[in-house]
Amino acid sequence: MTQYAVRKSSDVENFMTSVERVMTYTKLDPESGYNVGRRPPEQWPSEGNITFQDVSLTYYPGGPQVLRKINLNIKGGAKIGVAGRTGAGKSSFVAALLRMPDTDGEIMVDGVKIKKINLQQARRCISVLGQSPVLFSGSLRKNLDLVERFQDADLWRVLEDVQLIDLVEGLEGQLDHELLEHGANVSVGERQLICLARVLLQQNKIIVLDEPTAHVDPQTEQTMWSVVREKLKGSTVITIAHRLNTIRDCDKILVFKEGEVTEFDTFDMLLSGIDSVLYGPSLRPDNNEQ
């Protein structure tokens, strides 16, 4: 009886900790952008041009500036690599684009100031593929197309593009096959390919890749980069690199240092100058740590 009582008391304490966390979330200030009624033009964005004008970012009032006066123009359809040491501002650059939180200065996509439009509409034009695949419990169909915007033929097309069609055809229920939480009943590489298929399905004009091949095998990595090169030609692709070989083929390389853009040029041009940050020993391609 004593053991049972102690166990139940511990369970109640753990459950109440969860309640406390939920109550804390209810007291957080909501993001103001949800209340903005203005929506962007139809078929926006059509090109994927991105402009930063004096953009600075702090994550909380009174906090340090993680981005400082960023001025930048990215042409629609360009393939941009983002490099820099840990804490240089690479992830904050993406956070600014996603308005997490809103920045000082203006970010414009195809001439539309994203702070002036509804937050959901602003984020909907951007697809993000990170290091860790994001899947949830439910059917494969729901994981690919949560809001049921597309036909089955579209789902099969993107699965074929990422070379998963044979796998899905062998599953019980195929598109209705139930995935466990976090996709636990498929391999890590297959999870990432499913997430890549979701990106292809959305056909957004701005794609953010945060080293998506960091945890997959070489064959899957080759498949993913081949799909990115062939199927995302018309999109602006921003690739955050932890290994410089990942961004060697990008049109331009954006180098961050201490929250500022220090260089923005082609890979070969940056490596040709001994004063370049990219040329330095900390970011050189033959550096094993990078």
Protein backbone atom coordinates (compact mmCIF):
# COMPACT_ATOMS: atom_id res chain seq x y z
CA MET A 1 0.00 0.00 0.00
CA THR A 2 2.85 2.39 0.82
CA GLN A 3 4.56 1.72 -2.52
CA TYR A 4 1.26 2.20 -4.38
CA ALA A 5 0.58 5.47 -2.54
CA VAL A 6 4.06 6.83 -3.30
CA ARG A 7 3.75 5.91 -6.97
CA LYS A 8 0.34 7.55 -7.29
CA SER A 9 1.54 10.65 -5.46
CA SER A 10 4.46 10.94 -7.90
CA ASP A 11 2.10 10.54 -10.87
CA VAL A 12 -0.17 13.31 -9.58
CA GLU A 13 2.82 15.63 -9.08
CA ASN A 14 4.03 14.97 -12.64
CA PHE A 15 0.56 15.55 -14.07
CA MET A 16 0.18 18.81 -12.18
CA THR A 17 3.54 19.97 -13.57
CA SER A 18 2.03 19.52 -17.04
CA VAL A 19 -0.99 21.56 -15.98
CA GLU A 20 1.29 24.33 -14.72
CA ARG A 21 3.06 24.44 -18.08
CA VAL A 22 -0.23 24.65 -19.97
CA MET A 23 -1.40 27.48 -17.70
CA THR A 24 1.88 29.32 -18.35
CA TYR A 25 1.34 29.08 -22.11
CA THR A 26 -2.14 30.61 -21.75
CA LYS A 27 -0.57 33.71 -20.19
CA LEU A 28 1.93 34.33 -23.01
CA ASP A 29 1.32 37.37 -25.18
CA PRO A 30 -0.09 36.30 -28.57
CA GLU A 31 1.67 37.23 -31.80
CA SER A 32 0.13 40.45 -33.04
CA GLY A 33 0.29 39.51 -36.72
CA TYR A 34 -2.71 37.18 -36.49
CA ASN A 35 -5.03 40.15 -36.03
CA VAL A 36 -3.88 41.91 -39.19
CA GLY A 37 -6.69 41.69 -41.73
CA ARG A 38 -4.69 42.73 -44.79
CA ARG A 39 -3.86 39.87 -47.14
CA PRO A 40 -1.30 39.77 -49.96
CA PRO A 41 -2.30 39.81 -53.65
CA GLU A 42 -3.45 36.57 -55.23
CA GLN A 43 -0.68 34.32 -56.57
CA TRP A 44 1.78 36.02 -54.20
CA PRO A 45 4.70 35.53 -54.30
CA SER A 46 5.19 34.96 -58.01
CA GLU A 47 8.97 35.45 -58.21
CA GLY A 48 10.42 34.92 -54.73
CA ASN A 49 12.45 38.14 -54.56
CA ILE A 50 13.54 38.93 -50.98
CA THR A 51 14.70 42.36 -49.77
CA PHE A 52 16.05 43.23 -46.31
CA GLN A 53 16.14 46.94 -45.42
CA ASP A 54 17.96 47.88 -42.19
CA VAL A 55 16.72 44.70 -40.50
CA SER A 56 17.68 44.16 -36.85
CA LEU A 57 16.38 41.44 -34.56
CA THR A 58 16.11 40.91 -30.81
CA TYR A 59 14.28 37.95 -29.35
CA TYR A 60 12.92 39.78 -26.29
CA PRO A 61 12.68 43.41 -25.12
CA GLY A 62 16.02 44.63 -23.84
CA GLY A 63 17.84 41.60 -25.23
CA PRO A 64 20.97 41.67 -27.40
CA GLN A 65 20.68 42.29 -31.11
CA VAL A 66 21.26 38.99 -32.90
CA LEU A 67 20.96 40.67 -36.31
CA ARG A 68 22.29 44.17 -36.96
CA LYS A 69 21.22 46.43 -39.83
CA ILE A 70 20.96 43.78 -42.54
CA ASN A 71 20.60 45.20 -46.07
CA LEU A 72 20.25 42.56 -48.71
CA ASN A 73 18.63 41.78 -52.06
CA ILE A 74 18.04 38.17 -53.13
CA LYS A 75 16.78 37.64 -56.65
CA GLY A 76 13.87 35.29 -57.17
CA GLY A 77 14.93 31.77 -58.11
CA ALA A 78 18.45 32.21 -56.71
CA LYS A 79 20.15 29.47 -54.72
CA ILE A 80 21.73 31.09 -51.65
CA GLY A 81 24.06 29.39 -49.16
CA VAL A 82 24.28 30.79 -45.62
CA ALA A 83 27.54 30.22 -43.72
CA GLY A 84 29.03 31.36 -40.43
CA ARG A 85 30.26 30.15 -37.07
CA THR A 86 27.91 29.07 -34.28
CA GLY A 87 26.03 32.13 -33.01
CA ALA A 88 26.82 34.20 -36.10
CA GLY A 89 23.14 34.73 -36.96
CA LYS A 90 22.32 32.04 -39.53
CA SER A 91 19.22 30.70 -37.79
CA SER A 92 18.18 34.21 -36.74
CA PHE A 93 18.19 35.19 -40.41
CA VAL A 94 15.54 32.53 -41.05
CA ALA A 95 13.65 33.49 -37.88
CA ALA A 96 13.43 37.06 -39.17
CA LEU A 97 12.04 35.83 -42.48
CA LEU A 98 9.40 33.80 -40.61
CA ARG A 99 8.60 36.71 -38.26
CA MET A 100 9.62 34.85 -35.10
CA PRO A 101 9.55 37.54 -33.75
CA ASP A 102 8.90 40.62 -35.90
CA THR A 103 12.00 42.64 -36.73
CA ASP A 104 13.01 46.27 -36.77
CA GLY A 105 13.31 47.41 -40.37
CA GLU A 106 11.48 45.98 -43.38
CA ILE A 107 11.52 42.60 -45.08
CA MET A 108 9.81 42.54 -48.45
CA VAL A 109 8.87 39.55 -50.60
CA ASP A 110 8.08 40.50 -54.19
CA GLY A 111 7.65 44.10 -53.05
CA VAL A 112 5.16 43.28 -50.26
CA LYS A 113 6.16 44.24 -46.70
CA ILE A 114 5.53 41.06 -44.73
CA LYS A 115 4.94 42.95 -41.46
CA LYS A 116 1.93 44.66 -43.06
CA ILE A 117 0.05 41.46 -43.92
CA ASN A 118 -1.56 38.65 -41.94
CA LEU A 119 1.03 36.51 -40.18
CA GLN A 120 -0.35 33.19 -41.41
CA GLN A 121 -0.34 34.43 -45.00
CA ALA A 122 3.23 35.67 -44.64
CA ARG A 123 4.49 32.33 -43.33
CA ARG A 124 2.48 30.27 -45.78
CA CYS A 125 4.69 31.29 -48.69
CA ILE A 126 7.79 29.73 -47.07
CA SER A 127 8.61 26.03 -46.75
CA VAL A 128 11.22 24.88 -44.23
CA LEU A 129 13.09 21.58 -44.25
CA GLY A 130 15.25 21.20 -41.15
CA GLN A 131 17.74 18.70 -39.79
CA SER A 132 15.10 16.78 -37.86
CA PRO A 133 12.08 15.60 -39.90
CA VAL A 134 8.72 16.79 -38.58
CA LEU A 135 6.06 14.06 -38.75
CA PHE A 136 3.08 13.30 -36.53
CA SER A 137 0.81 10.37 -35.78
CA GLY A 138 -1.71 9.91 -38.57
CA SER A 139 -1.94 8.72 -42.14
CA LEU A 140 0.79 9.33 -44.70
CA ARG A 141 -1.78 11.31 -46.66
CA LYS A 142 -2.33 13.69 -43.72
CA ASN A 143 1.41 14.11 -43.21
CA LEU A 144 1.82 15.16 -46.82
CA ASP A 145 -1.36 17.23 -47.17
CA LEU A 146 -2.83 18.22 -43.83
CA VAL A 147 -5.51 20.56 -45.18
CA GLU A 148 -6.47 18.30 -48.10
CA ARG A 149 -5.65 20.76 -50.88
CA PHE A 150 -4.28 18.24 -53.37
CA GLN A 151 -5.47 15.20 -55.31
CA ASP A 152 -4.06 11.70 -54.83
CA ALA A 153 -2.31 12.00 -58.22
CA ASP A 154 -0.31 14.96 -56.85
CA LEU A 155 0.71 12.96 -53.78
CA TRP A 156 1.88 10.03 -55.88
CA ARG A 157 3.81 12.40 -58.16
CA VAL A 158 5.90 13.90 -55.36
CA LEU A 159 6.47 10.47 -53.81
CA GLU A 160 7.86 9.35 -57.16
CA ASP A 161 10.05 12.46 -57.32
CA VAL A 162 11.69 11.57 -53.99
CA GLN A 163 11.95 7.85 -54.90
CA LEU A 164 9.51 6.66 -52.22
CA ILE A 165 6.83 5.26 -54.51
CA ASP A 166 8.03 1.64 -54.16
CA LEU A 167 8.05 1.94 -50.38
CA VAL A 168 4.53 3.41 -50.21
CA GLU A 169 3.10 0.85 -52.64
CA GLY A 170 4.34 -1.88 -50.30
CA LEU A 171 2.71 -0.37 -47.20
CA GLU A 172 -0.61 -1.59 -45.88
CA GLY A 173 -3.17 1.00 -46.94
CA GLN A 174 -0.54 2.87 -48.99
CA LEU A 175 -1.43 6.58 -48.65
CA ASP A 176 -3.70 5.72 -45.70
CA HIS A 177 -0.90 3.88 -43.89
CA GLU A 178 -0.75 5.11 -40.28
CA LEU A 179 2.51 6.68 -39.17
CA LEU A 180 3.40 6.63 -35.49
CA GLU A 181 4.32 9.77 -33.58
CA HIS A 182 7.43 11.38 -35.12
CA GLY A 183 7.26 8.73 -37.87
CA ALA A 184 8.74 6.10 -35.56
CA ASN A 185 7.73 3.21 -37.86
CA VAL A 186 9.87 4.42 -40.79
CA SER A 187 13.61 5.09 -41.00
CA VAL A 188 15.20 8.51 -40.49
CA GLY A 189 16.04 8.80 -44.17
CA GLU A 190 12.49 7.90 -45.19
CA ARG A 191 11.10 10.48 -42.77
CA GLN A 192 13.24 13.19 -44.31
CA LEU A 193 12.22 12.17 -47.82
CA ILE A 194 8.55 12.36 -46.78
CA CYS A 195 9.19 15.90 -45.51
CA LEU A 196 10.92 16.75 -48.79
CA ALA A 197 7.89 15.40 -50.68
CA ARG A 198 5.70 17.73 -48.60
CA VAL A 199 7.89 20.69 -49.61
CA LEU A 200 7.58 19.74 -53.29
CA LEU A 201 3.82 19.41 -52.93
CA GLN A 202 3.41 22.92 -51.51
CA GLN A 203 5.31 24.46 -54.46
CA ASN A 204 6.24 27.58 -52.49
CA LYS A 205 8.50 30.20 -54.03
CA ILE A 206 10.77 30.42 -50.96
CA ILE A 207 12.41 27.29 -49.54
CA VAL A 208 14.65 27.17 -46.45
CA LEU A 209 16.93 24.14 -46.06
CA ASP A 210 18.67 23.83 -42.69
CA GLU A 211 21.24 21.11 -43.42
CA PRO A 212 18.49 18.55 -44.16
CA THR A 213 20.96 15.78 -44.97
CA ALA A 214 22.84 15.92 -41.66
CA HIS A 215 21.39 12.64 -40.33
CA VAL A 216 20.83 10.58 -43.48
CA ASP A 217 22.96 8.07 -45.36
CA PRO A 218 25.02 9.11 -48.43
CA GLN A 219 22.59 7.58 -50.94
CA THR A 220 19.61 9.43 -49.44
CA GLU A 221 21.69 12.61 -49.31
CA GLN A 222 22.47 12.30 -53.00
CA THR A 223 18.79 11.74 -53.78
CA MET A 224 17.72 14.79 -51.79
CA TRP A 225 20.17 17.22 -53.36
CA SER A 226 19.33 15.87 -56.82
CA VAL A 227 15.63 16.55 -56.15
CA VAL A 228 16.40 20.06 -54.85
CA ARG A 229 18.41 20.91 -57.97
CA GLU A 230 15.92 19.49 -60.46
CA LYS A 231 12.50 20.17 -58.88
CA LEU A 232 13.08 23.53 -57.16
CA LYS A 233 14.59 25.45 -60.06
CA GLY A 234 11.89 28.11 -59.98
CA SER A 235 12.08 28.70 -56.21
CA THR A 236 14.40 30.83 -54.12
CA VAL A 237 16.31 28.28 -52.03
CA ILE A 238 18.17 29.38 -48.89
CA THR A 239 20.49 26.66 -47.56
CA ILE A 240 21.97 26.98 -44.07
CA ALA A 241 25.28 25.12 -44.14
CA HIS A 242 27.29 23.49 -41.39
CA ARG A 243 29.58 21.95 -44.02
CA LEU A 244 30.81 24.14 -46.85
CA ASN A 245 30.60 21.34 -49.39
CA THR A 246 26.83 21.56 -48.98
CA ILE A 247 26.70 25.06 -50.49
CA ARG A 248 29.52 24.82 -53.01
CA ASP A 249 27.05 24.76 -55.92
CA CYS A 250 24.94 27.72 -54.73
CA ASP A 251 24.72 30.87 -56.86
CA LYS A 252 25.93 33.05 -53.98
CA ILE A 253 27.17 32.58 -50.42
CA LEU A 254 25.91 34.78 -47.58
CA VAL A 255 28.44 34.89 -44.73
CA PHE A 256 27.38 36.03 -41.25
CA LYS A 257 29.63 37.15 -38.41
CA GLU A 258 28.33 38.43 -35.07
CA GLY A 259 24.91 39.20 -36.50
CA GLU A 260 26.16 41.12 -39.53
CA VAL A 261 26.53 40.23 -43.20
CA THR A 262 30.26 40.33 -43.88
CA GLU A 263 30.30 38.81 -47.38
CA PHE A 264 27.83 38.05 -50.17
CA ASP A 265 29.36 36.70 -53.36
CA THR A 266 29.99 33.51 -55.32
CA PHE A 267 31.77 30.59 -53.64
CA ASP A 268 34.83 30.78 -55.91
CA MET A 269 35.14 34.54 -55.55
CA LEU A 270 35.08 34.36 -51.75
CA LEU A 271 37.66 31.59 -51.64
CA SER A 272 39.95 33.52 -53.97
CA GLY A 273 40.56 36.30 -51.46
CA ILE A 274 42.81 35.64 -48.48
CA ASP A 275 40.99 38.35 -46.49
CA SER A 276 37.64 36.57 -46.89
CA VAL A 277 35.96 35.10 -43.81
CA LEU A 278 35.08 32.08 -45.92
CA TYR A 279 38.75 31.62 -46.81
CA GLY A 280 39.78 31.71 -43.15
CA PRO A 281 40.78 28.52 -41.31
CA SER A 282 37.56 28.37 -39.28
CA LEU A 283 35.35 28.00 -42.37
CA ARG A 284 37.70 26.46 -44.94
CA PRO A 285 36.21 23.41 -46.76
CA ASP A 286 39.04 21.14 -45.64
CA ASN A 287 38.37 21.94 -41.98
CA ASN A 288 37.00 18.72 -40.48
CA GLU A 289 34.94 20.52 -37.87
CA GLN A 290 32.99 22.37 -40.56
